[in-house]
Amino acid sequence: MELILKYFPDLTEDQIDKFTRLEALYQDWNLKINVVSRKDIDELYLRHVLHSLAISKVIQFKPHTKIMDVGTGGGFPGIPLAILYPECSFHLVDSINKKLNVVREVVAGLGLENVKTTHTRVEEIKDTYDFIVSRAVAAMPTFVHWVKGKVAKKQNHQLKNGIIYLKGGDLTLELQDYPKATIYDIPDFFSEDFFETKKIVHLPLKYKG
């Protein structure tokens, strides 16, 4: 928890309370349904919570922003971002219901009222969102295909509506067809060795009505 406060010293008491309770909830549920590896659960705040919150170093979501987290797995980056942005709405989607069961229990345990979950493939989702976030669930061309037509038309942020993607390694080949993509190096925000090769990719997507 000290790690979160190191980079986010202005959290409210309610946010600190929720981030603090997060670990026990995940550890408890992870014993029943394994969604986070043993190594990762011991470093939950570094490898999952702080990694998810890196997105907020690139964009500060305004109130009423709609965000979809695709392939949320155990609830990352969606749940940490939902705690940080209580006035935004988050839609966490995954095709594996076992993982979403844990997400639902954590959301209920924290009393997060700005999160909804759906067990489906993202292609089946009919709604539109300001931003679509994810953590390396597929190569960018595949991901872009999945979320086609799901980006809202109205722009409310300096950063254009589209995909915000947590990725690692060399992305040259993967992004060669996306000249509008911007890469942010997470070590510019966080000094821990874990983030050495980690990046955030922003890819604006046009509204297709």
N, C-alpha and C. Protein backbone atom coordinates (compact mmCIF):
# COMPACT_ATOMS: atom_id res chain seq x y z
N MET A 1 0.83 -1.21 0.00
CA MET A 1 0.00 0.00 0.00
C MET A 1 0.87 1.26 0.00
N GLU A 2 2.03 1.19 0.67
CA GLU A 2 2.96 2.34 0.67
C GLU A 2 3.34 2.71 -0.76
N LEU A 3 3.44 1.67 -1.59
CA LEU A 3 3.82 1.86 -2.99
C LEU A 3 2.79 2.72 -3.72
N ILE A 4 1.52 2.49 -3.45
CA ILE A 4 0.47 3.27 -4.09
C ILE A 4 0.52 4.72 -3.61
N LEU A 5 0.70 4.89 -2.31
CA LEU A 5 0.74 6.25 -1.75
C LEU A 5 1.98 7.02 -2.19
N LYS A 6 3.03 6.29 -2.51
CA LYS A 6 4.27 6.93 -3.01
C LYS A 6 3.98 7.74 -4.28
N TYR A 7 3.15 7.16 -5.15
CA TYR A 7 2.86 7.82 -6.44
C TYR A 7 1.51 8.52 -6.47
N PHE A 8 0.65 8.19 -5.50
CA PHE A 8 -0.68 8.80 -5.44
C PHE A 8 -0.94 9.30 -4.02
N PRO A 9 -0.22 10.37 -3.62
CA PRO A 9 -0.31 10.84 -2.22
C PRO A 9 -1.62 11.55 -1.90
N ASP A 10 -2.41 11.89 -2.92
CA ASP A 10 -3.62 12.69 -2.69
C ASP A 10 -4.90 11.87 -2.66
N LEU A 11 -4.79 10.59 -2.42
CA LEU A 11 -5.98 9.74 -2.36
C LEU A 11 -6.88 10.14 -1.19
N THR A 12 -8.18 9.97 -1.37
CA THR A 12 -9.12 10.24 -0.27
C THR A 12 -9.06 9.08 0.73
N GLU A 13 -9.64 9.29 1.88
CA GLU A 13 -9.68 8.22 2.90
C GLU A 13 -10.42 7.00 2.37
N ASP A 14 -11.49 7.25 1.62
CA ASP A 14 -12.28 6.15 1.05
C ASP A 14 -11.45 5.35 0.04
N GLN A 15 -10.69 6.05 -0.79
CA GLN A 15 -9.83 5.36 -1.77
C GLN A 15 -8.73 4.56 -1.07
N ILE A 16 -8.13 5.14 -0.05
CA ILE A 16 -7.09 4.42 0.71
C ILE A 16 -7.69 3.17 1.35
N ASP A 17 -8.89 3.31 1.89
CA ASP A 17 -9.58 2.17 2.52
C ASP A 17 -9.81 1.05 1.49
N LYS A 18 -10.29 1.42 0.31
CA LYS A 18 -10.58 0.42 -0.72
C LYS A 18 -9.30 -0.24 -1.24
N PHE A 19 -8.29 0.55 -1.49
CA PHE A 19 -7.01 -0.04 -1.95
C PHE A 19 -6.41 -0.95 -0.89
N THR A 20 -6.57 -0.58 0.38
CA THR A 20 -6.04 -1.40 1.48
C THR A 20 -6.76 -2.74 1.57
N ARG A 21 -8.09 -2.70 1.41
CA ARG A 21 -8.89 -3.93 1.53
C ARG A 21 -8.75 -4.84 0.32
N LEU A 22 -8.28 -4.29 -0.76
CA LEU A 22 -8.13 -5.04 -2.02
C LEU A 22 -7.32 -6.33 -1.84
N GLU A 23 -6.19 -6.21 -1.13
CA GLU A 23 -5.27 -7.35 -1.02
C GLU A 23 -5.92 -8.55 -0.34
N ALA A 24 -6.56 -8.32 0.80
CA ALA A 24 -7.18 -9.42 1.54
C ALA A 24 -8.28 -10.09 0.71
N LEU A 25 -9.05 -9.29 -0.02
CA LEU A 25 -10.11 -9.83 -0.86
C LEU A 25 -9.54 -10.73 -1.95
N TYR A 26 -8.48 -10.26 -2.61
CA TYR A 26 -7.87 -11.07 -3.66
C TYR A 26 -7.22 -12.33 -3.11
N GLN A 27 -6.54 -12.19 -1.98
CA GLN A 27 -5.88 -13.36 -1.42
C GLN A 27 -6.91 -14.42 -1.01
N ASP A 28 -8.01 -13.98 -0.45
CA ASP A 28 -9.07 -14.89 -0.03
C ASP A 28 -9.68 -15.61 -1.23
N TRP A 29 -10.06 -14.83 -2.24
CA TRP A 29 -10.72 -15.43 -3.41
C TRP A 29 -9.75 -16.23 -4.27
N ASN A 30 -8.50 -15.84 -4.26
CA ASN A 30 -7.51 -16.55 -5.08
C ASN A 30 -7.27 -17.97 -4.57
N LEU A 31 -7.51 -18.19 -3.29
CA LEU A 31 -7.39 -19.54 -2.74
C LEU A 31 -8.49 -20.45 -3.28
N LYS A 32 -9.65 -19.85 -3.58
CA LYS A 32 -10.80 -20.62 -4.07
C LYS A 32 -10.77 -20.76 -5.59
N ILE A 33 -10.49 -19.66 -6.25
CA ILE A 33 -10.44 -19.64 -7.72
C ILE A 33 -9.14 -18.94 -8.11
N ASN A 34 -8.21 -19.69 -8.65
CA ASN A 34 -6.89 -19.13 -8.93
C ASN A 34 -6.90 -18.22 -10.16
N VAL A 35 -6.94 -16.91 -9.93
CA VAL A 35 -6.93 -15.96 -11.07
C VAL A 35 -5.62 -15.19 -11.16
N VAL A 36 -4.90 -15.16 -10.06
CA VAL A 36 -3.61 -14.46 -10.03
C VAL A 36 -2.56 -15.46 -9.58
N SER A 37 -1.41 -15.51 -10.29
CA SER A 37 -0.39 -16.49 -9.92
C SER A 37 0.14 -16.23 -8.51
N ARG A 38 0.67 -17.28 -7.88
CA ARG A 38 1.18 -17.18 -6.50
C ARG A 38 2.20 -16.06 -6.37
N LYS A 39 3.12 -15.98 -7.34
CA LYS A 39 4.16 -14.96 -7.31
C LYS A 39 3.55 -13.55 -7.38
N ASP A 40 2.54 -13.44 -8.26
CA ASP A 40 1.92 -12.13 -8.46
C ASP A 40 1.05 -11.70 -7.27
N ILE A 41 0.40 -12.66 -6.61
CA ILE A 41 -0.48 -12.30 -5.49
C ILE A 41 0.35 -11.73 -4.34
N ASP A 42 1.59 -12.19 -4.21
CA ASP A 42 2.48 -11.67 -3.17
C ASP A 42 2.97 -10.26 -3.50
N GLU A 43 2.90 -9.90 -4.77
CA GLU A 43 3.30 -8.54 -5.19
C GLU A 43 2.15 -7.86 -5.90
N LEU A 44 0.96 -8.02 -5.34
CA LEU A 44 -0.27 -7.52 -5.96
C LEU A 44 -0.21 -6.02 -6.25
N TYR A 45 0.29 -5.26 -5.28
CA TYR A 45 0.28 -3.79 -5.45
C TYR A 45 1.24 -3.35 -6.55
N LEU A 46 2.36 -4.01 -6.67
CA LEU A 46 3.34 -3.64 -7.71
C LEU A 46 2.88 -4.11 -9.09
N ARG A 47 2.61 -5.42 -9.19
CA ARG A 47 2.42 -6.04 -10.50
C ARG A 47 1.02 -5.85 -11.08
N HIS A 48 0.07 -5.56 -10.23
CA HIS A 48 -1.31 -5.43 -10.72
C HIS A 48 -1.91 -4.05 -10.46
N VAL A 49 -1.88 -3.62 -9.21
CA VAL A 49 -2.54 -2.35 -8.88
C VAL A 49 -1.79 -1.16 -9.47
N LEU A 50 -0.52 -1.04 -9.15
CA LEU A 50 0.25 0.11 -9.65
C LEU A 50 0.37 0.06 -11.17
N HIS A 51 0.57 -1.13 -11.71
CA HIS A 51 0.64 -1.28 -13.18
C HIS A 51 -0.64 -0.76 -13.83
N SER A 52 -1.79 -1.10 -13.26
CA SER A 52 -3.08 -0.62 -13.77
C SER A 52 -3.17 0.90 -13.69
N LEU A 53 -2.71 1.44 -12.57
CA LEU A 53 -2.82 2.88 -12.33
C LEU A 53 -1.88 3.71 -13.19
N ALA A 54 -0.94 3.06 -13.85
CA ALA A 54 -0.03 3.78 -14.77
C ALA A 54 -0.83 4.53 -15.83
N ILE A 55 -1.99 4.00 -16.18
CA ILE A 55 -2.85 4.66 -17.18
C ILE A 55 -3.19 6.07 -16.76
N SER A 56 -3.34 6.28 -15.45
CA SER A 56 -3.72 7.62 -14.97
C SER A 56 -2.57 8.62 -15.04
N LYS A 57 -1.38 8.15 -15.37
CA LYS A 57 -0.25 9.07 -15.58
C LYS A 57 -0.26 9.61 -17.01
N VAL A 58 -1.08 8.99 -17.85
CA VAL A 58 -1.19 9.40 -19.26
C VAL A 58 -2.48 10.20 -19.48
N ILE A 59 -3.52 9.83 -18.75
CA ILE A 59 -4.80 10.53 -18.86
C ILE A 59 -5.51 10.55 -17.52
N GLN A 60 -6.13 11.68 -17.19
CA GLN A 60 -7.00 11.76 -16.01
C GLN A 60 -8.43 11.75 -16.53
N PHE A 61 -9.14 10.68 -16.25
CA PHE A 61 -10.51 10.56 -16.75
C PHE A 61 -11.42 11.58 -16.07
N LYS A 62 -12.19 12.30 -16.88
CA LYS A 62 -13.14 13.27 -16.34
C LYS A 62 -14.39 12.55 -15.84
N PRO A 63 -15.14 13.17 -14.91
CA PRO A 63 -16.38 12.56 -14.44
C PRO A 63 -17.30 12.17 -15.60
N HIS A 64 -17.99 11.05 -15.45
CA HIS A 64 -18.95 10.50 -16.42
C HIS A 64 -18.30 9.86 -17.65
N THR A 65 -16.98 9.72 -17.63
CA THR A 65 -16.32 9.01 -18.72
C THR A 65 -16.71 7.53 -18.66
N LYS A 66 -16.95 6.95 -19.84
CA LYS A 66 -17.30 5.52 -19.94
C LYS A 66 -16.08 4.74 -20.43
N ILE A 67 -15.69 3.74 -19.66
CA ILE A 67 -14.49 2.96 -19.97
C ILE A 67 -14.84 1.48 -19.97
N MET A 68 -14.39 0.78 -21.00
CA MET A 68 -14.55 -0.68 -21.03
C MET A 68 -13.19 -1.32 -20.89
N ASP A 69 -13.11 -2.31 -19.99
CA ASP A 69 -11.88 -3.09 -19.77
C ASP A 69 -12.09 -4.46 -20.42
N VAL A 70 -11.36 -4.70 -21.49
CA VAL A 70 -11.54 -5.92 -22.29
C VAL A 70 -10.56 -7.00 -21.83
N GLY A 71 -11.10 -8.21 -21.59
CA GLY A 71 -10.24 -9.29 -21.10
C GLY A 71 -9.72 -8.95 -19.73
N THR A 72 -10.62 -8.52 -18.87
CA THR A 72 -10.23 -7.97 -17.55
C THR A 72 -9.55 -9.01 -16.64
N GLY A 73 -9.77 -10.30 -16.92
CA GLY A 73 -9.14 -11.33 -16.08
C GLY A 73 -9.59 -11.21 -14.64
N GLY A 74 -8.65 -10.97 -13.75
CA GLY A 74 -8.98 -10.79 -12.33
C GLY A 74 -9.44 -9.40 -11.97
N GLY A 75 -9.66 -8.54 -12.99
CA GLY A 75 -10.16 -7.19 -12.72
C GLY A 75 -9.16 -6.08 -12.92
N PHE A 76 -8.16 -6.36 -13.77
CA PHE A 76 -7.10 -5.36 -14.01
C PHE A 76 -7.03 -5.03 -15.50
N PRO A 77 -6.94 -3.74 -15.82
CA PRO A 77 -6.77 -2.57 -14.95
C PRO A 77 -8.06 -1.97 -14.38
N GLY A 78 -9.21 -2.59 -14.67
CA GLY A 78 -10.49 -1.95 -14.35
C GLY A 78 -10.75 -1.61 -12.91
N ILE A 79 -10.51 -2.55 -11.99
CA ILE A 79 -10.86 -2.29 -10.58
C ILE A 79 -10.00 -1.18 -9.96
N PRO A 80 -8.67 -1.21 -10.08
CA PRO A 80 -7.90 -0.09 -9.52
C PRO A 80 -8.30 1.27 -10.12
N LEU A 81 -8.59 1.30 -11.42
CA LEU A 81 -9.00 2.56 -12.05
C LEU A 81 -10.38 3.00 -11.55
N ALA A 82 -11.25 2.04 -11.29
CA ALA A 82 -12.59 2.37 -10.78
C ALA A 82 -12.51 2.97 -9.37
N ILE A 83 -11.54 2.51 -8.58
CA ILE A 83 -11.32 3.10 -7.24
C ILE A 83 -10.80 4.53 -7.39
N LEU A 84 -9.88 4.71 -8.33
CA LEU A 84 -9.26 6.03 -8.52
C LEU A 84 -10.24 7.03 -9.13
N TYR A 85 -11.17 6.54 -9.95
CA TYR A 85 -12.12 7.42 -10.63
C TYR A 85 -13.57 7.02 -10.31
N PRO A 86 -14.03 7.34 -9.09
CA PRO A 86 -15.36 6.90 -8.66
C PRO A 86 -16.50 7.53 -9.46
N GLU A 87 -16.23 8.64 -10.16
CA GLU A 87 -17.31 9.30 -10.91
C GLU A 87 -17.36 8.86 -12.37
N CYS A 88 -16.52 7.88 -12.73
CA CYS A 88 -16.55 7.31 -14.08
C CYS A 88 -17.20 5.93 -14.02
N SER A 89 -17.70 5.46 -15.17
CA SER A 89 -18.31 4.12 -15.18
C SER A 89 -17.41 3.14 -15.93
N PHE A 90 -17.26 1.97 -15.34
CA PHE A 90 -16.37 0.94 -15.88
C PHE A 90 -17.16 -0.32 -16.21
N HIS A 91 -16.93 -0.84 -17.39
CA HIS A 91 -17.57 -2.08 -17.84
C HIS A 91 -16.47 -3.13 -18.04
N LEU A 92 -16.43 -4.12 -17.17
CA LEU A 92 -15.38 -5.15 -17.21
C LEU A 92 -15.89 -6.38 -17.92
N VAL A 93 -15.21 -6.74 -19.01
CA VAL A 93 -15.68 -7.82 -19.88
C VAL A 93 -14.63 -8.92 -19.96
N ASP A 94 -15.09 -10.16 -19.86
CA ASP A 94 -14.18 -11.29 -20.07
C ASP A 94 -14.97 -12.49 -20.57
N SER A 95 -14.32 -13.33 -21.35
CA SER A 95 -15.01 -14.51 -21.89
C SER A 95 -14.91 -15.70 -20.93
N ILE A 96 -14.14 -15.54 -19.85
CA ILE A 96 -13.98 -16.62 -18.87
C ILE A 96 -14.73 -16.26 -17.59
N ASN A 97 -15.85 -16.93 -17.36
CA ASN A 97 -16.73 -16.56 -16.25
C ASN A 97 -16.09 -16.82 -14.89
N LYS A 98 -15.23 -17.83 -14.80
CA LYS A 98 -14.56 -18.15 -13.53
C LYS A 98 -13.81 -16.93 -13.00
N LYS A 99 -13.14 -16.23 -13.89
CA LYS A 99 -12.40 -15.03 -13.48
C LYS A 99 -13.35 -13.91 -13.07
N LEU A 100 -14.42 -13.77 -13.85
CA LEU A 100 -15.39 -12.71 -13.53
C LEU A 100 -16.09 -12.94 -12.20
N ASN A 101 -16.23 -14.20 -11.80
CA ASN A 101 -16.81 -14.49 -10.49
C ASN A 101 -16.00 -13.84 -9.38
N VAL A 102 -14.69 -13.91 -9.50
CA VAL A 102 -13.79 -13.26 -8.52
C VAL A 102 -13.96 -11.75 -8.60
N VAL A 103 -13.98 -11.22 -9.82
CA VAL A 103 -14.16 -9.78 -10.02
C VAL A 103 -15.45 -9.30 -9.34
N ARG A 104 -16.52 -10.03 -9.56
CA ARG A 104 -17.82 -9.65 -8.97
C ARG A 104 -17.75 -9.62 -7.45
N GLU A 105 -17.09 -10.61 -6.88
CA GLU A 105 -16.98 -10.69 -5.42
C GLU A 105 -16.12 -9.55 -4.86
N VAL A 106 -15.04 -9.22 -5.58
CA VAL A 106 -14.17 -8.10 -5.14
C VAL A 106 -14.92 -6.78 -5.25
N VAL A 107 -15.63 -6.60 -6.36
CA VAL A 107 -16.44 -5.38 -6.56
C VAL A 107 -17.48 -5.24 -5.45
N ALA A 108 -18.16 -6.35 -5.12
CA ALA A 108 -19.17 -6.33 -4.05
C ALA A 108 -18.52 -6.08 -2.70
N GLY A 109 -17.38 -6.72 -2.46
CA GLY A 109 -16.67 -6.57 -1.19
C GLY A 109 -16.19 -5.15 -0.95
N LEU A 110 -15.84 -4.46 -2.03
CA LEU A 110 -15.38 -3.07 -1.91
C LEU A 110 -16.52 -2.06 -2.00
N GLY A 111 -17.71 -2.55 -2.38
CA GLY A 111 -18.84 -1.64 -2.55
C GLY A 111 -18.65 -0.69 -3.72
N LEU A 112 -18.03 -1.18 -4.80
CA LEU A 112 -17.81 -0.33 -5.98
C LEU A 112 -19.10 -0.26 -6.80
N GLU A 113 -19.70 0.93 -6.83
CA GLU A 113 -20.97 1.08 -7.54
C GLU A 113 -20.81 1.54 -8.98
N ASN A 114 -19.56 1.80 -9.38
CA ASN A 114 -19.32 2.30 -10.74
C ASN A 114 -18.75 1.22 -11.67
N VAL A 115 -18.93 -0.05 -11.28
CA VAL A 115 -18.40 -1.17 -12.08
C VAL A 115 -19.52 -2.13 -12.42
N LYS A 116 -19.61 -2.51 -13.69
CA LYS A 116 -20.48 -3.63 -14.07
C LYS A 116 -19.63 -4.65 -14.83
N THR A 117 -20.06 -5.90 -14.78
CA THR A 117 -19.30 -6.97 -15.44
C THR A 117 -20.20 -7.71 -16.43
N THR A 118 -19.58 -8.19 -17.51
CA THR A 118 -20.31 -8.99 -18.49
C THR A 118 -19.45 -10.16 -18.94
N HIS A 119 -20.05 -11.35 -18.87
CA HIS A 119 -19.37 -12.55 -19.34
C HIS A 119 -19.73 -12.75 -20.82
N THR A 120 -18.85 -12.35 -21.71
CA THR A 120 -19.07 -12.49 -23.14
C THR A 120 -17.78 -12.21 -23.89
N ARG A 121 -17.79 -12.46 -25.18
CA ARG A 121 -16.69 -12.00 -26.02
C ARG A 121 -16.97 -10.54 -26.35
N VAL A 122 -15.94 -9.74 -26.42
CA VAL A 122 -16.12 -8.29 -26.59
C VAL A 122 -16.85 -7.97 -27.90
N GLU A 123 -16.72 -8.82 -28.91
CA GLU A 123 -17.40 -8.56 -30.18
C GLU A 123 -18.91 -8.48 -30.02
N GLU A 124 -19.44 -9.11 -28.96
CA GLU A 124 -20.89 -9.13 -28.74
C GLU A 124 -21.40 -7.85 -28.06
N ILE A 125 -20.51 -7.05 -27.53
CA ILE A 125 -20.91 -5.81 -26.84
C ILE A 125 -21.38 -4.78 -27.86
N LYS A 126 -22.54 -4.18 -27.58
CA LYS A 126 -23.13 -3.23 -28.56
C LYS A 126 -22.94 -1.77 -28.16
N ASP A 127 -22.49 -1.51 -26.98
CA ASP A 127 -22.39 -0.13 -26.47
C ASP A 127 -21.14 0.57 -27.02
N THR A 128 -21.05 1.89 -26.79
CA THR A 128 -19.83 2.62 -27.14
C THR A 128 -19.23 3.26 -25.89
N TYR A 129 -17.92 3.51 -25.94
CA TYR A 129 -17.16 3.97 -24.77
C TYR A 129 -16.18 5.06 -25.20
N ASP A 130 -15.84 5.92 -24.23
CA ASP A 130 -14.82 6.94 -24.51
C ASP A 130 -13.46 6.27 -24.70
N PHE A 131 -13.17 5.33 -23.80
CA PHE A 131 -11.88 4.63 -23.88
C PHE A 131 -12.05 3.14 -23.63
N ILE A 132 -11.23 2.38 -24.31
CA ILE A 132 -11.20 0.93 -24.12
C ILE A 132 -9.81 0.58 -23.60
N VAL A 133 -9.76 0.05 -22.39
CA VAL A 133 -8.48 -0.27 -21.76
C VAL A 133 -8.29 -1.78 -21.71
N SER A 134 -7.04 -2.19 -21.66
CA SER A 134 -6.75 -3.62 -21.57
C SER A 134 -5.29 -3.83 -21.22
N ARG A 135 -5.02 -5.07 -20.82
CA ARG A 135 -3.65 -5.41 -20.46
C ARG A 135 -3.17 -6.59 -21.32
N ALA A 136 -2.67 -6.26 -22.49
CA ALA A 136 -2.00 -7.24 -23.37
C ALA A 136 -2.76 -8.54 -23.56
N VAL A 137 -4.03 -8.43 -23.96
CA VAL A 137 -4.79 -9.67 -24.18
C VAL A 137 -4.60 -10.21 -25.60
N ALA A 138 -4.15 -9.35 -26.52
CA ALA A 138 -3.93 -9.79 -27.90
C ALA A 138 -3.02 -8.78 -28.59
N ALA A 139 -2.49 -9.17 -29.76
CA ALA A 139 -1.71 -8.23 -30.57
C ALA A 139 -2.64 -7.10 -31.02
N MET A 140 -2.09 -5.91 -31.22
CA MET A 140 -2.91 -4.74 -31.52
C MET A 140 -3.84 -4.92 -32.73
N PRO A 141 -3.40 -5.51 -33.85
CA PRO A 141 -4.34 -5.67 -34.97
C PRO A 141 -5.57 -6.50 -34.60
N THR A 142 -5.38 -7.55 -33.83
CA THR A 142 -6.49 -8.39 -33.38
C THR A 142 -7.40 -7.60 -32.46
N PHE A 143 -6.79 -6.87 -31.53
CA PHE A 143 -7.56 -6.09 -30.55
C PHE A 143 -8.39 -5.02 -31.24
N VAL A 144 -7.79 -4.33 -32.19
CA VAL A 144 -8.50 -3.28 -32.94
C VAL A 144 -9.72 -3.88 -33.64
N HIS A 145 -9.56 -5.06 -34.20
CA HIS A 145 -10.66 -5.75 -34.87
C HIS A 145 -11.79 -6.06 -33.88
N TRP A 146 -11.42 -6.51 -32.69
CA TRP A 146 -12.41 -6.86 -31.66
C TRP A 146 -13.28 -5.66 -31.28
N VAL A 147 -12.65 -4.50 -31.14
CA VAL A 147 -13.35 -3.35 -30.55
C VAL A 147 -13.87 -2.35 -31.60
N LYS A 148 -13.82 -2.76 -32.84
CA LYS A 148 -14.29 -1.90 -33.93
C LYS A 148 -15.73 -1.46 -33.68
N GLY A 149 -15.99 -0.18 -33.85
CA GLY A 149 -17.34 0.35 -33.69
C GLY A 149 -17.79 0.55 -32.26
N LYS A 150 -16.87 0.43 -31.31
CA LYS A 150 -17.26 0.54 -29.89
C LYS A 150 -16.73 1.82 -29.23
N VAL A 151 -16.24 2.75 -30.05
CA VAL A 151 -15.69 4.00 -29.51
C VAL A 151 -16.69 5.14 -29.74
N ALA A 152 -16.97 5.89 -28.68
CA ALA A 152 -17.95 6.97 -28.74
C ALA A 152 -17.46 8.13 -29.62
N LYS A 153 -18.43 8.86 -30.16
CA LYS A 153 -18.12 9.95 -31.09
C LYS A 153 -17.64 11.21 -30.37
N LYS A 154 -18.35 11.58 -29.29
CA LYS A 154 -18.06 12.85 -28.60
C LYS A 154 -16.74 12.78 -27.85
N GLN A 155 -15.89 13.76 -28.11
CA GLN A 155 -14.57 13.83 -27.46
C GLN A 155 -14.65 14.75 -26.23
N ASN A 156 -14.18 14.25 -25.10
CA ASN A 156 -14.21 15.07 -23.87
C ASN A 156 -12.83 15.28 -23.25
N HIS A 157 -11.82 14.66 -23.84
CA HIS A 157 -10.47 14.73 -23.30
C HIS A 157 -9.48 15.22 -24.35
N GLN A 158 -8.36 15.70 -23.85
CA GLN A 158 -7.29 16.10 -24.77
C GLN A 158 -6.79 14.88 -25.56
N LEU A 159 -6.69 13.76 -24.86
CA LEU A 159 -6.33 12.51 -25.51
C LEU A 159 -7.57 12.00 -26.24
N LYS A 160 -7.43 11.71 -27.51
CA LYS A 160 -8.60 11.33 -28.31
C LYS A 160 -9.15 9.97 -27.89
N ASN A 161 -10.45 9.81 -28.03
CA ASN A 161 -11.12 8.54 -27.71
C ASN A 161 -10.45 7.38 -28.44
N GLY A 162 -10.38 6.24 -27.78
CA GLY A 162 -9.78 5.08 -28.42
C GLY A 162 -9.27 4.08 -27.41
N ILE A 163 -8.19 3.39 -27.79
CA ILE A 163 -7.62 2.31 -26.99
C ILE A 163 -6.48 2.84 -26.11
N ILE A 164 -6.47 2.41 -24.86
CA ILE A 164 -5.31 2.63 -23.97
C ILE A 164 -4.88 1.25 -23.49
N TYR A 165 -3.68 0.85 -23.92
CA TYR A 165 -3.27 -0.55 -23.82
C TYR A 165 -1.97 -0.68 -23.02
N LEU A 166 -1.98 -1.54 -22.03
CA LEU A 166 -0.76 -1.83 -21.27
C LEU A 166 -0.03 -2.98 -21.96
N LYS A 167 1.18 -2.70 -22.43
CA LYS A 167 1.94 -3.70 -23.20
C LYS A 167 3.40 -3.71 -22.72
N GLY A 168 4.14 -4.72 -23.20
CA GLY A 168 5.56 -4.79 -22.84
C GLY A 168 6.40 -5.13 -24.06
N GLY A 169 7.70 -4.89 -23.96
CA GLY A 169 8.64 -5.30 -25.01
C GLY A 169 8.67 -4.38 -26.21
N ASP A 170 9.22 -4.88 -27.30
CA ASP A 170 9.39 -4.11 -28.53
C ASP A 170 8.09 -4.16 -29.35
N LEU A 171 7.49 -3.01 -29.56
CA LEU A 171 6.19 -2.96 -30.24
C LEU A 171 6.29 -2.48 -31.68
N THR A 172 7.51 -2.36 -32.19
CA THR A 172 7.72 -1.80 -33.53
C THR A 172 6.89 -2.51 -34.59
N LEU A 173 7.01 -3.83 -34.63
CA LEU A 173 6.32 -4.62 -35.64
C LEU A 173 4.81 -4.57 -35.45
N GLU A 174 4.39 -4.71 -34.20
CA GLU A 174 2.97 -4.76 -33.89
C GLU A 174 2.23 -3.47 -34.23
N LEU A 175 2.95 -2.35 -34.12
CA LEU A 175 2.31 -1.04 -34.33
C LEU A 175 2.65 -0.41 -35.68
N GLN A 176 3.28 -1.19 -36.56
CA GLN A 176 3.76 -0.59 -37.82
C GLN A 176 2.62 -0.05 -38.70
N ASP A 177 1.43 -0.62 -38.54
CA ASP A 177 0.29 -0.15 -39.34
C ASP A 177 -0.53 0.93 -38.63
N TYR A 178 -0.03 1.40 -37.49
CA TYR A 178 -0.78 2.39 -36.70
C TYR A 178 0.07 3.62 -36.43
N PRO A 179 0.24 4.47 -37.45
CA PRO A 179 1.10 5.66 -37.28
C PRO A 179 0.59 6.64 -36.22
N LYS A 180 -0.71 6.55 -35.90
CA LYS A 180 -1.27 7.49 -34.90
C LYS A 180 -1.08 7.01 -33.47
N ALA A 181 -0.53 5.82 -33.30
CA ALA A 181 -0.31 5.29 -31.94
C ALA A 181 0.80 6.07 -31.23
N THR A 182 0.60 6.33 -29.95
CA THR A 182 1.62 6.98 -29.11
C THR A 182 2.04 6.00 -28.02
N ILE A 183 3.35 5.84 -27.85
CA ILE A 183 3.87 4.94 -26.82
C ILE A 183 4.43 5.75 -25.66
N TYR A 184 4.00 5.40 -24.46
CA TYR A 184 4.51 6.03 -23.24
C TYR A 184 5.27 4.96 -22.45
N ASP A 185 6.48 5.27 -22.02
CA ASP A 185 7.28 4.33 -21.23
C ASP A 185 6.92 4.47 -19.76
N ILE A 186 6.46 3.38 -19.15
CA ILE A 186 6.05 3.44 -17.73
C ILE A 186 7.22 3.83 -16.80
N PRO A 187 8.50 3.45 -17.11
CA PRO A 187 9.59 3.92 -16.24
C PRO A 187 9.71 5.45 -16.15
N ASP A 188 9.07 6.17 -17.06
CA ASP A 188 9.04 7.64 -16.95
C ASP A 188 8.17 8.07 -15.75
N PHE A 189 7.30 7.17 -15.29
CA PHE A 189 6.40 7.49 -14.18
C PHE A 189 6.76 6.76 -12.90
N PHE A 190 7.16 5.49 -13.04
CA PHE A 190 7.44 4.63 -11.89
C PHE A 190 8.87 4.09 -11.98
N SER A 191 9.58 4.09 -10.84
CA SER A 191 11.01 3.75 -10.87
C SER A 191 11.32 2.27 -10.61
N GLU A 192 10.32 1.48 -10.23
CA GLU A 192 10.57 0.07 -9.88
C GLU A 192 11.04 -0.74 -11.10
N ASP A 193 11.96 -1.67 -10.86
CA ASP A 193 12.54 -2.48 -11.94
C ASP A 193 11.49 -3.25 -12.74
N PHE A 194 10.41 -3.64 -12.07
CA PHE A 194 9.36 -4.41 -12.73
C PHE A 194 8.85 -3.73 -14.00
N PHE A 195 8.89 -2.39 -14.02
CA PHE A 195 8.31 -1.63 -15.14
C PHE A 195 9.31 -1.35 -16.26
N GLU A 196 10.50 -1.90 -16.15
CA GLU A 196 11.59 -1.56 -17.08
C GLU A 196 11.20 -1.63 -18.56
N THR A 197 10.47 -2.67 -18.94
CA THR A 197 10.11 -2.82 -20.36
C THR A 197 8.62 -2.56 -20.62
N LYS A 198 7.93 -2.05 -19.61
CA LYS A 198 6.47 -1.89 -19.72
C LYS A 198 6.11 -0.53 -20.35
N LYS A 199 5.03 -0.58 -21.15
CA LYS A 199 4.62 0.61 -21.88
C LYS A 199 3.10 0.77 -21.85
N ILE A 200 2.67 1.99 -22.16
CA ILE A 200 1.26 2.27 -22.39
C ILE A 200 1.14 2.74 -23.83
N VAL A 201 0.21 2.14 -24.57
CA VAL A 201 -0.02 2.56 -25.95
C VAL A 201 -1.38 3.23 -26.04
N HIS A 202 -1.40 4.44 -26.60
CA HIS A 202 -2.67 5.09 -26.89
C HIS A 202 -2.89 5.07 -28.39
N LEU A 203 -4.03 4.52 -28.81
CA LEU A 203 -4.37 4.48 -30.23
C LEU A 203 -5.76 5.11 -30.41
N PRO A 204 -5.81 6.32 -30.98
CA PRO A 204 -7.12 6.92 -31.22
C PRO A 204 -7.89 6.10 -32.25
N LEU A 205 -9.20 5.94 -32.02
CA LEU A 205 -10.04 5.23 -32.99
C LEU A 205 -11.20 6.13 -33.37
N LYS A 206 -11.50 6.17 -34.65
CA LYS A 206 -12.63 6.99 -35.12
C LYS A 206 -13.95 6.31 -34.82
N TYR A 207 -14.94 7.13 -34.54
CA TYR A 207 -16.31 6.63 -34.34
C TYR A 207 -16.84 6.10 -35.67
N LYS A 208 -17.42 4.92 -35.62
CA LYS A 208 -18.03 4.35 -36.84
C LYS A 208 -19.51 4.15 -36.58
N GLY A 209 -20.32 5.11 -37.06
CA GLY A 209 -21.76 5.04 -36.81
C GLY A 209 -22.50 4.30 -37.91
